[in-house]
PDB file of N, CA and C in Angstrom:
ATOM      1  N   PHE A   1      95.932 -55.503 -43.156  1.00  0.00           N
ATOM      2  CA  PHE A   1      95.333 -55.008 -42.604  1.00  0.00           C
ATOM      3  C   PHE A   1      94.854 -53.806 -43.143  1.00  0.00           C
ATOM      4  N   THR A   2      95.153 -53.461 -44.009  1.00  0.00           N
ATOM      5  CA  THR A   2      94.746 -51.977 -44.541  1.00  0.00           C
ATOM      6  C   THR A   2      93.381 -52.361 -45.133  1.00  0.00           C
ATOM      7  N   TRP A   3      92.856 -53.556 -45.484  1.00  0.00           N
ATOM      8  CA  TRP A   3      92.090 -53.663 -45.601  1.00  0.00           C
ATOM      9  C   TRP A   3      90.823 -53.341 -44.396  1.00  0.00           C
ATOM     10  N   VAL A   4      91.778 -54.319 -43.927  1.00  0.00           N
ATOM     11  CA  VAL A   4      90.793 -54.014 -42.712  1.00  0.00           C
ATOM     12  C   VAL A   4      89.927 -52.813 -42.408  1.00  0.00           C
ATOM     13  N   VAL A   5      90.969 -51.688 -41.921  1.00  0.00           N
ATOM     14  CA  VAL A   5      90.482 -50.951 -41.228  1.00  0.00           C
ATOM     15  C   VAL A   5      89.831 -50.010 -43.105  1.00  0.00           C
ATOM     16  N   LEU A   6      90.171 -50.384 -44.135  1.00  0.00           N
ATOM     17  CA  LEU A   6      89.427 -49.735 -44.614  1.00  0.00           C
ATOM     18  C   LEU A   6      87.494 -50.250 -45.012  1.00  0.00           C
ATOM     19  N   ILE A   7      87.514 -51.291 -44.338  1.00  0.00           N
ATOM     20  CA  ILE A   7      86.129 -51.850 -44.481  1.00  0.00           C
ATOM     21  C   ILE A   7      85.223 -51.256 -43.433  1.00  0.00           C
ATOM     22  N   VAL A   8      86.768 -51.197 -42.157  1.00  0.00           N
ATOM     23  CA  VAL A   8      85.522 -51.146 -40.909  1.00  0.00           C
ATOM     24  C   VAL A   8      85.173 -49.350 -41.032  1.00  0.00           C
ATOM     25  N   ASN A   9      86.275 -48.685 -41.594  1.00  0.00           N
ATOM     26  CA  ASN A   9      85.355 -47.356 -42.156  1.00  0.00           C
ATOM     27  C   ASN A   9      84.412 -46.954 -42.879  1.00  0.00           C
ATOM     28  N   PHE A  10      84.204 -47.757 -44.286  1.00  0.00           N
ATOM     29  CA  PHE A  10      83.370 -47.471 -44.682  1.00  0.00           C
ATOM     30  C   PHE A  10      82.451 -48.242 -44.744  1.00  0.00           C
ATOM     31  N   LEU A  11      82.300 -49.461 -43.571  1.00  0.00           N
ATOM     32  CA  LEU A  11      80.819 -49.406 -43.188  1.00  0.00           C
ATOM     33  C   LEU A  11      80.948 -49.051 -41.562  1.00  0.00           C
ATOM     34  N   CYS A  12      81.244 -48.448 -41.196  1.00  0.00           N
ATOM     35  CA  CYS A  12      80.490 -47.280 -40.552  1.00  0.00           C
ATOM     36  C   CYS A  12      80.299 -46.082 -41.087  1.00  0.00           C
ATOM     37  N   PHE A  13      80.753 -45.523 -41.692  1.00  0.00           N
ATOM     38  CA  PHE A  13      79.813 -44.526 -42.144  1.00  0.00           C
ATOM     39  C   PHE A  13      78.394 -45.084 -43.238  1.00  0.00           C
ATOM     40  N   ILE A  14      78.458 -46.470 -43.175  1.00  0.00           N
ATOM     41  CA  ILE A  14      77.074 -46.791 -43.876  1.00  0.00           C
ATOM     42  C   ILE A  14      76.301 -46.598 -43.082  1.00  0.00           C
ATOM     43  N   VAL A  15      76.532 -47.437 -42.036  1.00  0.00           N
ATOM     44  CA  VAL A  15      75.605 -47.546 -40.603  1.00  0.00           C
ATOM     45  C   VAL A  15      75.330 -45.991 -40.093  1.00  0.00           C
ATOM     46  N   ILE A  16      76.087 -45.552 -39.937  1.00  0.00           N
ATOM     47  CA  ILE A  16      76.170 -43.763 -40.168  1.00  0.00           C
ATOM     48  C   ILE A  16      74.928 -43.062 -40.726  1.00  0.00           C
ATOM     49  N   THR A  17      75.084 -43.234 -42.011  1.00  0.00           N
ATOM     50  CA  THR A  17      74.021 -42.705 -43.178  1.00  0.00           C
ATOM     51  C   THR A  17      72.642 -43.541 -42.808  1.00  0.00           C
ATOM     52  N   ILE A  18      72.686 -44.364 -43.014  1.00  0.00           N
ATOM     53  CA  ILE A  18      71.438 -45.232 -42.630  1.00  0.00           C
ATOM     54  C   ILE A  18      71.061 -45.128 -41.565  1.00  0.00           C
ATOM     55  N   SER A  19      71.558 -45.214 -40.360  1.00  0.00           N
ATOM     56  CA  SER A  19      70.455 -44.677 -39.197  1.00  0.00           C
ATOM     57  C   SER A  19      69.829 -42.697 -39.715  1.00  0.00           C
ATOM     58  N   TYR A  20      71.140 -42.382 -40.115  1.00  0.00           N
ATOM     59  CA  TYR A  20      70.525 -40.738 -40.073  1.00  0.00           C
ATOM     60  C   TYR A  20      69.349 -40.451 -41.397  1.00  0.00           C
ATOM     61  N   ILE A  21      69.452 -41.447 -42.316  1.00  0.00           N
ATOM     62  CA  ILE A  21      67.692 -41.185 -42.922  1.00  0.00           C
ATOM     63  C   ILE A  21      67.009 -41.942 -42.468  1.00  0.00           C
ATOM     64  N   MET A  22      67.176 -42.804 -41.597  1.00  0.00           N
ATOM     65  CA  MET A  22      66.027 -43.836 -40.510  1.00  0.00           C
ATOM     66  C   MET A  22      65.537 -42.455 -39.771  1.00  0.00           C
ATOM     67  N   ILE A  23      66.271 -41.750 -39.509  1.00  0.00           N
ATOM     68  CA  ILE A  23      65.380 -40.478 -38.199  1.00  0.00           C
ATOM     69  C   ILE A  23      65.252 -39.362 -39.217  1.00  0.00           C
ATOM     70  N   ASN A  24      65.627 -39.425 -40.333  1.00  0.00           N
ATOM     71  CA  ASN A  24      65.222 -38.297 -41.354  1.00  0.00           C
ATOM     72  C   ASN A  24      63.860 -38.892 -41.687  1.00  0.00           C
ATOM     73  N   PHE A  25      63.740 -40.003 -42.138  1.00  0.00           N
ATOM     74  CA  PHE A  25      62.474 -40.853 -42.641  1.00  0.00           C
ATOM     75  C   PHE A  25      61.194 -40.186 -40.947  1.00  0.00           C
ATOM     76  N   LYS A  26      61.928 -40.843 -40.397  1.00  0.00           N
ATOM     77  CA  LYS A  26      60.860 -40.946 -38.836  1.00  0.00           C
ATOM     78  C   LYS A  26      60.296 -39.371 -39.023  1.00  0.00           C
ATOM     79  N   THR A  27      61.124 -38.157 -38.662  1.00  0.00           N
ATOM     80  CA  THR A  27      60.988 -36.701 -38.477  1.00  0.00           C
ATOM     81  C   THR A  27      59.639 -36.414 -39.846  1.00  0.00           C
ATOM     82  N   LEU A  28      60.056 -37.401 -41.266  1.00  0.00           N
ATOM     83  CA  LEU A  28      59.042 -36.601 -41.981  1.00  0.00           C
ATOM     84  C   LEU A  28      57.796 -37.537 -42.086  1.00  0.00           C
ATOM     85  N   HIS A  29      57.224 -38.405 -41.410  1.00  0.00           N
ATOM     86  CA  HIS A  29      56.829 -39.282 -40.918  1.00  0.00           C
ATOM     87  C   HIS A  29      55.904 -38.559 -39.805  1.00  0.00           C
ATOM     88  N   SER A  30      56.728 -38.225 -39.132  1.00  0.00           N
ATOM     89  CA  SER A  30      55.820 -37.483 -38.122  1.00  0.00           C
ATOM     90  C   SER A  30      55.202 -36.005 -38.294  1.00  0.00           C
ATOM     91  N   SER A  31      56.111 -35.205 -39.242  1.00  0.00           N
ATOM     92  CA  SER A  31      55.467 -33.763 -39.744  1.00  0.00           C
ATOM     93  C   SER A  31      54.168 -34.251 -40.454  1.00  0.00           C
ATOM     94  N   ARG A  32      54.404 -35.421 -41.382  1.00  0.00           N
ATOM     95  CA  ARG A  32      52.786 -35.528 -42.192  1.00  0.00           C
ATOM     96  C   ARG A  32      52.064 -36.029 -41.403  1.00  0.00           C
ATOM     97  N   ARG A  33      52.440 -36.713 -40.535  1.00  0.00           N
ATOM     98  CA  ARG A  33      51.223 -37.381 -39.297  1.00  0.00           C
ATOM     99  C   ARG A  33      50.150 -36.182 -38.004  1.00  0.00           C
ATOM    100  N   ILE A  34      51.406 -34.972 -38.139  1.00  0.00           N
ATOM    101  CA  ILE A  34      51.076 -33.515 -37.097  1.00  0.00           C
ATOM    102  C   ILE A  34      49.928 -32.851 -37.891  1.00  0.00           C
ATOM    103  N   ARG A  35      50.704 -32.966 -39.256  1.00  0.00           N
ATOM    104  CA  ARG A  35      49.873 -31.983 -40.304  1.00  0.00           C
ATOM    105  C   ARG A  35      48.877 -32.708 -40.395  1.00  0.00           C
ATOM    106  N   ASP A  36      48.425 -33.613 -40.998  1.00  0.00           N
ATOM    107  CA  ASP A  36      46.733 -34.694 -40.527  1.00  0.00           C
ATOM    108  C   ASP A  36      46.406 -34.439 -40.344  1.00  0.00           C
ATOM    109  N   LYS A  37      46.410 -33.864 -38.741  1.00  0.00           N
ATOM    110  CA  LYS A  37      46.029 -33.927 -37.344  1.00  0.00           C
ATOM    111  C   LYS A  37      45.129 -32.667 -37.050  1.00  0.00           C
ATOM    112  N   SER A  38      46.396 -31.682 -37.245  1.00  0.00           N
ATOM    113  CA  SER A  38      45.986 -30.884 -36.845  1.00  0.00           C
ATOM    114  C   SER A  38      47.095 -29.880 -37.651  1.00  0.00           C
ATOM    115  N   ARG A  39      46.392 -28.434 -38.167  1.00  0.00           N
ATOM    116  CA  ARG A  39      46.990 -27.987 -39.763  1.00  0.00           C
ATOM    117  C   ARG A  39      47.798 -26.287 -38.247  1.00  0.00           C
ATOM    118  N   ALA A  40      47.259 -26.408 -37.234  1.00  0.00           N
ATOM    119  CA  ALA A  40      47.601 -25.426 -36.288  1.00  0.00           C
ATOM    120  C   ALA A  40      49.123 -25.429 -35.740  1.00  0.00           C
ATOM    121  N   ASP A  41      49.755 -26.705 -35.561  1.00  0.00           N
ATOM    122  CA  ASP A  41      50.496 -26.719 -34.893  1.00  0.00           C
ATOM    123  C   ASP A  41      52.205 -26.770 -36.155  1.00  0.00           C
ATOM    124  N   ASP A  42      52.454 -25.701 -36.047  1.00  0.00           N
ATOM    125  CA  ASP A  42      53.389 -25.185 -37.210  1.00  0.00           C
ATOM    126  C   ASP A  42      55.096 -25.207 -36.235  1.00  0.00           C
ATOM    127  N   THR A  43      54.406 -25.450 -35.208  1.00  0.00           N
ATOM    128  CA  THR A  43      56.074 -24.764 -34.496  1.00  0.00           C
ATOM    129  C   THR A  43      56.728 -26.440 -34.437  1.00  0.00           C
ATOM    130  N   LEU A  44      55.645 -27.809 -34.226  1.00  0.00           N
ATOM    131  CA  LEU A  44      56.607 -28.847 -34.476  1.00  0.00           C
ATOM    132  C   LEU A  44      57.018 -29.588 -35.530  1.00  0.00           C
ATOM    133  N   THR A  45      56.035 -28.810 -37.077  1.00  0.00           N
ATOM    134  CA  THR A  45      56.324 -29.292 -37.615  1.00  0.00           C
ATOM    135  C   THR A  45      57.999 -28.397 -38.818  1.00  0.00           C
ATOM    136  N   ARG A  46      58.058 -27.086 -37.930  1.00  0.00           N
ATOM    137  CA  ARG A  46      59.402 -26.751 -38.148  1.00  0.00           C
ATOM    138  C   ARG A  46      60.239 -27.294 -37.205  1.00  0.00           C
ATOM    139  N   ARG A  47      60.463 -27.533 -36.383  1.00  0.00           N
ATOM    140  CA  ARG A  47      60.948 -28.244 -35.002  1.00  0.00           C
ATOM    141  C   ARG A  47      61.757 -29.398 -36.085  1.00  0.00           C
ATOM    142  N   ASN A  48      60.837 -30.156 -37.095  1.00  0.00           N
ATOM    143  CA  ASN A  48      60.992 -31.515 -37.790  1.00  0.00           C
ATOM    144  C   ASN A  48      61.796 -31.368 -38.981  1.00  0.00           C
ATOM    145  N   ARG A  49      61.572 -30.223 -39.667  1.00  0.00           N
ATOM    146  CA  ARG A  49      62.361 -29.848 -40.594  1.00  0.00           C
ATOM    147  C   ARG A  49      63.304 -28.977 -40.341  1.00  0.00           C
ATOM    148  N   SER A  50      63.596 -28.777 -39.043  1.00  0.00           N
ATOM    149  CA  SER A  50      64.759 -28.150 -38.679  1.00  0.00           C
ATOM    150  C   SER A  50      65.889 -29.676 -38.468  1.00  0.00           C
ATOM    151  N   VAL A  51      65.424 -30.277 -37.606  1.00  0.00           N
ATOM    152  CA  VAL A  51      65.812 -32.129 -37.327  1.00  0.00           C
ATOM    153  C   VAL A  51      66.009 -32.318 -39.150  1.00  0.00           C
ATOM    154  N   GLN A  52      65.262 -32.436 -40.095  1.00  0.00           N
ATOM    155  CA  GLN A  52      65.953 -33.160 -41.437  1.00  0.00           C
ATOM    156  C   GLN A  52      67.349 -32.574 -42.371  1.00  0.00           C
ATOM    157  N   ARG A  53      67.095 -30.915 -41.897  1.00  0.00           N
ATOM    158  CA  ARG A  53      68.177 -29.971 -42.624  1.00  0.00           C
ATOM    159  C   ARG A  53      69.256 -30.590 -41.844  1.00  0.00           C
ATOM    160  N   LYS A  54      69.690 -30.634 -40.733  1.00  0.00           N
ATOM    161  CA  LYS A  54      70.827 -30.987 -39.535  1.00  0.00           C
ATOM    162  C   LYS A  54      71.178 -32.213 -39.987  1.00  0.00           C
ATOM    163  N   ILE A  55      70.004 -33.035 -40.227  1.00  0.00           N
ATOM    164  CA  ILE A  55      71.047 -34.718 -40.740  1.00  0.00           C
ATOM    165  C   ILE A  55      70.754 -34.816 -41.583  1.00  0.00           C
ATOM    166  N   THR A  56      70.507 -33.738 -42.810  1.00  0.00           N
ATOM    167  CA  THR A  56      71.360 -33.308 -44.052  1.00  0.00           C
ATOM    168  C   THR A  56      72.181 -33.124 -44.192  1.00  0.00           C
ATOM    169  N   PHE A  57      73.056 -32.473 -43.794  1.00  0.00           N
ATOM    170  CA  PHE A  57      73.972 -31.753 -43.363  1.00  0.00           C
ATOM    171  C   PHE A  57      74.910 -32.355 -43.241  1.00  0.00           C
ATOM    172  N   ILE A  58      74.665 -33.266 -41.800  1.00  0.00           N
ATOM    173  CA  ILE A  58      76.289 -34.295 -41.107  1.00  0.00           C
ATOM    174  C   ILE A  58      76.368 -35.541 -42.344  1.00  0.00           C
ATOM    175  N   ILE A  59      75.071 -35.962 -43.162  1.00  0.00           N
ATOM    176  CA  ILE A  59      75.636 -36.870 -44.084  1.00  0.00           C
ATOM    177  C   ILE A  59      76.132 -36.596 -45.373  1.00  0.00           C
ATOM    178  N   ILE A  60      75.781 -35.078 -45.476  1.00  0.00           N
ATOM    179  CA  ILE A  60      77.008 -34.105 -46.245  1.00  0.00           C
ATOM    180  C   ILE A  60      78.550 -34.199 -46.305  1.00  0.00           C
ATOM    181  N   THR A  61      77.983 -33.540 -44.564  1.00  0.00           N
ATOM    182  CA  THR A  61      79.771 -33.486 -43.961  1.00  0.00           C
ATOM    183  C   THR A  61      80.411 -35.063 -43.913  1.00  0.00           C
ATOM    184  N   ASP A  62      79.568 -35.943 -43.630  1.00  0.00           N
ATOM    185  CA  ASP A  62      80.235 -37.547 -43.410  1.00  0.00           C
ATOM    186  C   ASP A  62      80.941 -37.583 -44.763  1.00  0.00           C
ATOM    187  N   PHE A  63      79.740 -37.647 -45.696  1.00  0.00           N
ATOM    188  CA  PHE A  63      80.061 -37.934 -46.934  1.00  0.00           C
ATOM    189  C   PHE A  63      81.666 -37.112 -47.325  1.00  0.00           C
ATOM    190  N   LEU A  64      81.732 -36.073 -48.043  1.00  0.00           N
ATOM    191  CA  LEU A  64      82.785 -35.101 -48.031  1.00  0.00           C
ATOM    192  C   LEU A  64      84.175 -35.498 -47.365  1.00  0.00           C
ATOM    193  N   CYS A  65      83.647 -35.746 -46.084  1.00  0.00           N
ATOM    194  CA  CYS A  65      85.305 -35.839 -45.058  1.00  0.00           C
ATOM    195  C   CYS A  65      85.466 -37.580 -45.220  1.00  0.00           C
ATOM    196  N   TRP A  66      84.603 -38.376 -45.589  1.00  0.00           N
ATOM    197  CA  TRP A  66      85.335 -39.877 -45.508  1.00  0.00           C
ATOM    198  C   TRP A  66      85.273 -40.584 -46.368  1.00  0.00           C
ATOM    199  N   ILE A  67      84.351 -40.545 -47.927  1.00  0.00           N
ATOM    200  CA  ILE A  67      84.271 -41.169 -49.231  1.00  0.00           C
ATOM    201  C   ILE A  67      85.700 -40.467 -49.616  1.00  0.00           C
ATOM    202  N   PRO A  68      86.434 -39.375 -49.751  1.00  0.00           N
ATOM    203  CA  PRO A  68      87.471 -39.531 -50.495  1.00  0.00           C
ATOM    204  C   PRO A  68      88.742 -39.464 -49.763  1.00  0.00           C
ATOM    205  N   PHE A  69      88.377 -39.896 -48.483  1.00  0.00           N
ATOM    206  CA  PHE A  69      89.609 -41.011 -47.728  1.00  0.00           C
ATOM    207  C   PHE A  69      89.932 -42.213 -47.969  1.00  0.00           C
ATOM    208  N   ILE A  70      89.017 -42.760 -47.937  1.00  0.00           N
ATOM    209  CA  ILE A  70      88.585 -44.334 -48.690  1.00  0.00           C
ATOM    210  C   ILE A  70      89.007 -44.536 -50.052  1.00  0.00           C
ATOM    211  N   THR A  71      88.656 -43.558 -50.882  1.00  0.00           N
ATOM    212  CA  THR A  71      88.844 -43.214 -52.270  1.00  0.00           C
ATOM    213  C   THR A  71      90.281 -43.539 -51.974  1.00  0.00           C
ATOM    214  N   THR A  72      91.272 -42.507 -51.736  1.00  0.00           N
ATOM    215  CA  THR A  72      92.261 -42.578 -51.432  1.00  0.00           C
ATOM    216  C   THR A  72      93.149 -43.230 -51.361  1.00  0.00           C
ATOM    217  N   CYS A  73      92.795 -44.327 -50.117  1.00  0.00           N
ATOM    218  CA  CYS A  73      93.571 -45.390 -49.746  1.00  0.00           C
ATOM    219  C   CYS A  73      93.303 -46.607 -50.745  1.00  0.00           C
ATOM    220  N   LEU A  74      92.637 -46.378 -50.889  1.00  0.00           N
ATOM    221  CA  LEU A  74      92.213 -47.553 -51.586  1.00  0.00           C
ATOM    222  C   LEU A  74      93.028 -47.823 -53.883  1.00  0.00           C
ATOM    223  N   LEU A  75      92.760 -46.242 -54.095  1.00  0.00           N
ATOM    224  CA  LEU A  75      94.148 -45.980 -54.735  1.00  0.00           C
ATOM    225  C   LEU A  75      95.568 -46.408 -55.101  1.00  0.00           C
ATOM    226  N   HIS A  76      95.852 -45.605 -53.102  1.00  0.00           N
ATOM    227  CA  HIS A  76      96.912 -45.799 -52.941  1.00  0.00           C
ATOM    228  C   HIS A  76      97.217 -47.243 -52.865  1.00  0.00           C
ATOM    229  N   TYR A  77      96.380 -48.286 -51.804  1.00  0.00           N
ATOM    230  CA  TYR A  77      96.836 -49.590 -52.092  1.00  0.00           C
ATOM    231  C   TYR A  77      96.983 -50.447 -53.101  1.00  0.00           C
ATOM    232  N   TYR A  78      96.046 -49.860 -54.165  1.00  0.00           N
ATOM    233  CA  TYR A  78      96.768 -50.754 -55.965  1.00  0.00           C
ATOM    234  C   TYR A  78      97.397 -50.097 -56.928  1.00  0.00           C
ATOM    235  N   GLU A  79      97.869 -48.800 -55.673  1.00  0.00           N
ATOM    236  CA  GLU A  79      99.362 -48.106 -56.711  1.00  0.00           C
ATOM    237  C   GLU A  79      98.685 -47.807 -57.845  1.00  0.00           C
ATOM    238  N   VAL A  80      98.054 -47.358 -57.501  1.00  0.00           N
ATOM    239  CA  VAL A  80      97.428 -46.121 -58.322  1.00  0.00           C
ATOM    240  C   VAL A  80      97.538 -44.297 -58.734  1.00  0.00           C
ATOM    241  N   VAL A  81      97.634 -44.142 -57.198  1.00  0.00           N
ATOM    242  CA  VAL A  81      98.771 -42.603 -57.064  1.00  0.00           C
ATOM    243  C   VAL A  81      99.247 -43.523 -56.016  1.00  0.00           C
ATOM    244  N   ASP A  82     100.435 -42.437 -55.635  1.00  0.00           N
ATOM    245  CA  ASP A  82     100.889 -42.445 -54.566  1.00  0.00           C
ATOM    246  C   ASP A  82     100.739 -41.553 -53.500  1.00  0.00           C
ATOM    247  N   ALA A  83      99.931 -42.134 -52.295  1.00  0.00           N
ATOM    248  CA  ALA A  83      99.062 -40.533 -51.569  1.00  0.00           C
ATOM    249  C   ALA A  83     100.036 -40.723 -50.100  1.00  0.00           C
ATOM    250  N   SER A  84     101.026 -40.924 -50.312  1.00  0.00           N
ATOM    251  CA  SER A  84     102.226 -40.785 -48.872  1.00  0.00           C
ATOM    252  C   SER A  84     101.821 -40.120 -48.253  1.00  0.00           C
ATOM    253  N   SER A  85     101.873 -38.435 -49.159  1.00  0.00           N
ATOM    254  CA  SER A  85     101.826 -37.032 -48.436  1.00  0.00           C
ATOM    255  C   SER A  85     100.271 -37.049 -48.091  1.00  0.00           C
ATOM    256  N   TRP A  86      99.667 -37.200 -49.013  1.00  0.00           N
ATOM    257  CA  TRP A  86      98.004 -36.706 -48.831  1.00  0.00           C
ATOM    258  C   TRP A  86      97.799 -37.195 -47.363  1.00  0.00           C
ATOM    259  N   TYR A  87      98.242 -38.398 -46.618  1.00  0.00           N
ATOM    260  CA  TYR A  87      97.836 -38.768 -45.437  1.00  0.00           C
ATOM    261  C   TYR A  87      97.709 -37.874 -44.491  1.00  0.00           C
ATOM    262  N   SER A  88      99.044 -36.823 -44.282  1.00  0.00           N
ATOM    263  CA  SER A  88      98.433 -35.855 -43.187  1.00  0.00           C
ATOM    264  C   SER A  88      98.070 -35.079 -43.439  1.00  0.00           C
ATOM    265  N   THR A  89      97.731 -34.657 -44.573  1.00  0.00           N
ATOM    266  CA  THR A  89      96.606 -33.486 -45.011  1.00  0.00           C
ATOM    267  C   THR A  89      95.376 -33.647 -44.510  1.00  0.00           C
ATOM    268  N   PHE A  90      94.816 -35.843 -44.708  1.00  0.00           N
ATOM    269  CA  PHE A  90      93.897 -36.106 -44.250  1.00  0.00           C
ATOM    270  C   PHE A  90      93.627 -35.992 -42.849  1.00  0.00           C
ATOM    271  N   SER A  91      94.496 -36.608 -42.383  1.00  0.00           N
ATOM    272  CA  SER A  91      94.128 -36.936 -40.942  1.00  0.00           C
ATOM    273  C   SER A  91      94.950 -35.441 -40.012  1.00  0.00           C
ATOM    274  N   ILE A  92      95.047 -34.559 -40.681  1.00  0.00           N
ATOM    275  CA  ILE A  92      95.230 -33.470 -40.059  1.00  0.00           C
ATOM    276  C   ILE A  92      94.775 -31.985 -40.435  1.00  0.00           C
ATOM    277  N   ILE A  93      93.887 -32.225 -41.165  1.00  0.00           N
ATOM    278  CA  ILE A  93      92.957 -31.026 -41.753  1.00  0.00           C
ATOM    279  C   ILE A  93      91.650 -31.367 -42.061  1.00  0.00           C
ATOM    280  N   ILE A  94      91.596 -32.578 -42.929  1.00  0.00           N
ATOM    281  CA  ILE A  94      90.145 -33.100 -44.033  1.00  0.00           C
ATOM    282  C   ILE A  94      89.180 -33.299 -42.136  1.00  0.00           C
ATOM    283  N   LEU A  95      89.635 -35.043 -42.122  1.00  0.00           N
ATOM    284  CA  LEU A  95      89.091 -35.402 -40.982  1.00  0.00           C
ATOM    285  C   LEU A  95      88.433 -35.211 -39.231  1.00  0.00           C
ATOM    286  N   PRO A  96      89.288 -33.864 -39.192  1.00  0.00           N
ATOM    287  CA  PRO A  96      89.143 -33.219 -37.874  1.00  0.00           C
ATOM    288  C   PRO A  96      87.692 -32.424 -38.615  1.00  0.00           C
ATOM    289  N   ILE A  97      87.843 -31.878 -39.808  1.00  0.00           N
ATOM    290  CA  ILE A  97      86.388 -30.862 -39.514  1.00  0.00           C
ATOM    291  C   ILE A  97      85.078 -31.289 -39.048  1.00  0.00           C
ATOM    292  N   ASN A  98      85.393 -32.785 -40.105  1.00  0.00           N
ATOM    293  CA  ASN A  98      84.307 -33.949 -39.658  1.00  0.00           C
ATOM    294  C   ASN A  98      83.916 -33.533 -38.145  1.00  0.00           C
ATOM    295  N   SER A  99      84.808 -34.128 -38.033  1.00  0.00           N
ATOM    296  CA  SER A  99      84.608 -34.066 -35.807  1.00  0.00           C
ATOM    297  C   SER A  99      84.525 -32.968 -35.050  1.00  0.00           C
ATOM    298  N   VAL A 100      84.841 -31.372 -35.663  1.00  0.00           N
ATOM    299  CA  VAL A 100      84.771 -30.521 -35.664  1.00  0.00           C
ATOM    300  C   VAL A 100      83.488 -29.800 -35.383  1.00  0.00           C
ATOM    301  N   ILE A 101      82.762 -30.073 -37.001  1.00  0.00           N
ATOM    302  CA  ILE A 101      81.352 -29.814 -37.604  1.00  0.00           C
ATOM    303  C   ILE A 101      80.041 -30.267 -36.712  1.00  0.00           C
ATOM    304  N   ASN A 102      80.164 -31.563 -36.578  1.00  0.00           N
ATOM    305  CA  ASN A 102      79.035 -32.040 -35.776  1.00  0.00           C
ATOM    306  C   ASN A 102      78.762 -31.688 -34.771  1.00  0.00           C
ATOM    307  N   PRO A 103      79.625 -31.602 -34.205  1.00  0.00           N
ATOM    308  CA  PRO A 103      79.116 -31.480 -32.782  1.00  0.00           C
ATOM    309  C   PRO A 103      78.347 -29.779 -32.302  1.00  0.00           C
ATOM    310  N   PRO A 104      78.499 -29.288 -32.704  1.00  0.00           N
ATOM    311  CA  PRO A 104      77.665 -27.606 -32.843  1.00  0.00           C
ATOM    312  C   PRO A 104      76.354 -27.828 -33.524  1.00  0.00           C
ATOM    313  N   VAL A 105      76.641 -28.171 -35.043  1.00  0.00           N
ATOM    314  CA  VAL A 105      74.965 -28.988 -35.668  1.00  0.00           C
ATOM    315  C   VAL A 105      73.848 -29.562 -34.513  1.00  0.00           C
ATOM    316  N   VAL A 106      74.631 -30.579 -33.663  1.00  0.00           N
ATOM    317  CA  VAL A 106      73.244 -31.719 -32.863  1.00  0.00           C
ATOM    318  C   VAL A 106      73.322 -30.469 -31.561  1.00  0.00           C
ATOM    319  N   ARG A 107      74.077 -29.662 -31.320  1.00  0.00           N
ATOM    320  CA  ARG A 107      73.874 -29.055 -30.144  1.00  0.00           C
ATOM    321  C   ARG A 107      72.942 -27.778 -30.486  1.00  0.00           C
ATOM    322  N   ARG A 108      73.423 -27.274 -31.771  1.00  0.00           N
ATOM    323  CA  ARG A 108      72.359 -26.332 -32.076  1.00  0.00           C
ATOM    324  C   ARG A 108      71.185 -26.775 -32.018  1.00  0.00           C
ATOM    325  N   TYR A 109      70.573 -27.768 -32.430  1.00  0.00           N
ATOM    326  CA  TYR A 109      69.051 -28.324 -33.305  1.00  0.00           C
ATOM    327  C   TYR A 109      68.786 -29.300 -32.266  1.00  0.00           C
ATOM    328  N   ARG A 110      69.465 -29.588 -30.858  1.00  0.00           N
ATOM    329  CA  ARG A 110      68.488 -29.979 -29.885  1.00  0.00           C
ATOM    330  C   ARG A 110      67.418 -29.789 -29.504  1.00  0.00           C
ATOM    331  N   VAL A 111      66.346 -30.238 -29.789  1.00  0.00           N
ATOM    332  CA  VAL A 111      64.757 -29.771 -28.682  1.00  0.00           C
ATOM    333  C   VAL A 111      64.832 -30.800 -28.152  1.00  0.00           C
ATOM    334  N   PRO A 112      64.087 -29.951 -26.769  1.00  0.00           N
ATOM    335  CA  PRO A 112      63.578 -30.935 -25.556  1.00  0.00           C
ATOM    336  C   PRO A 112      62.475 -31.648 -26.054  1.00  0.00           C
ATOM    337  N   VAL A 113      62.161 -32.888 -25.498  1.00  0.00           N
ATOM    338  CA  VAL A 113      61.067 -33.780 -25.950  1.00  0.00           C
ATOM    339  C   VAL A 113      60.799 -34.262 -24.687  1.00  0.00           C
ATOM    340  N   ARG A 114      59.570 -34.214 -24.609  1.00  0.00           N
ATOM    341  CA  ARG A 114      58.668 -34.951 -22.932  1.00  0.00           C
ATOM    342  C   ARG A 114      58.308 -36.381 -23.428  1.00  0.00           C
ATOM    343  N   THR A 115      58.492 -37.142 -22.354  1.00  0.00           N
ATOM    344  CA  THR A 115      58.006 -38.742 -22.649  1.00  0.00           C
ATOM    345  C   THR A 115      56.466 -38.788 -22.204  1.00  0.00           C
ATOM    346  N   GLU A 116      56.316 -39.377 -22.375  1.00  0.00           N
ATOM    347  CA  GLU A 116      55.153 -40.550 -21.853  1.00  0.00           C
ATOM    348  C   GLU A 116      55.010 -40.328 -20.400  1.00  0.00           C
ATOM    349  N   SER A 117      55.692 -41.520 -20.219  1.00  0.00           N
ATOM    350  CA  SER A 117      55.789 -42.019 -19.133  1.00  0.00           C
ATOM    351  C   SER A 117      55.761 -41.359 -17.837  1.00  0.00           C
ATOM    352  N   GLU A 118      56.710 -40.456 -17.837  1.00  0.00           N
ATOM    353  CA  GLU A 118      57.221 -39.075 -16.967  1.00  0.00           C
ATOM    354  C   GLU A 118      56.464 -37.813 -17.019  1.00  0.00           C
ATOM    355  N   GLY A 119      55.787 -38.201 -18.360  1.00  0.00           N
ATOM    356  CA  GLY A 119      55.461 -36.108 -18.395  1.00  0.00           C
ATOM    357  C   GLY A 119      56.474 -35.171 -18.141  1.00  0.00           C
ATOM    358  N   LYS A 120      57.840 -35.342 -18.050  1.00  0.00           N
ATOM    359  CA  LYS A 120      58.802 -34.094 -18.235  1.00  0.00           C
ATOM    360  C   LYS A 120      59.558 -34.182 -19.462  1.00  0.00           C
ATOM    361  N   GLN A 121      60.014 -33.214 -19.072  1.00  0.00           N
ATOM    362  CA  GLN A 121      61.164 -33.145 -20.068  1.00  0.00           C
ATOM    363  C   GLN A 121      62.269 -33.780 -19.787  1.00  0.00           C
ATOM    364  N   ALA A 122      63.144 -34.739 -20.958  1.00  0.00           N
ATOM    365  CA  ALA A 122      64.494 -35.145 -21.557  1.00  0.00           C
ATOM    366  C   ALA A 122      64.990 -34.793 -22.475  1.00  0.00           C
ATOM    367  N   ARG A 123      66.336 -35.543 -22.179  1.00  0.00           N
ATOM    368  CA  ARG A 123      67.328 -34.700 -23.769  1.00  0.00           C
ATOM    369  C   ARG A 123      68.061 -35.530 -23.975  1.00  0.00           C
TER     370      ARG A 123
END
């Protein structure tokens, strides 16, 4: 059971990280395309850079919260360390930090987007 939980946690972390990296590359590509077409549209370029900073921050906070937890669980499983007392610290302090940080970051940098088909703003 321990391995299933650790593998699922690690795979979720990898999928989320890859997804954020893909979003980061898409915004980078969009910024370059806009810059090539028009040098006057600095607003959109600034928004894309803001999104890139947000994504980088989220990836770093996810990494700092989850990888130590997964590593500690593995070390405990292989009896390298006795991490029994650490689980409460992780579950009460470290992991909730990640849950608390991500929503305000995402909400702060949310940008309205116009859809081509509707011609109105969507969020």
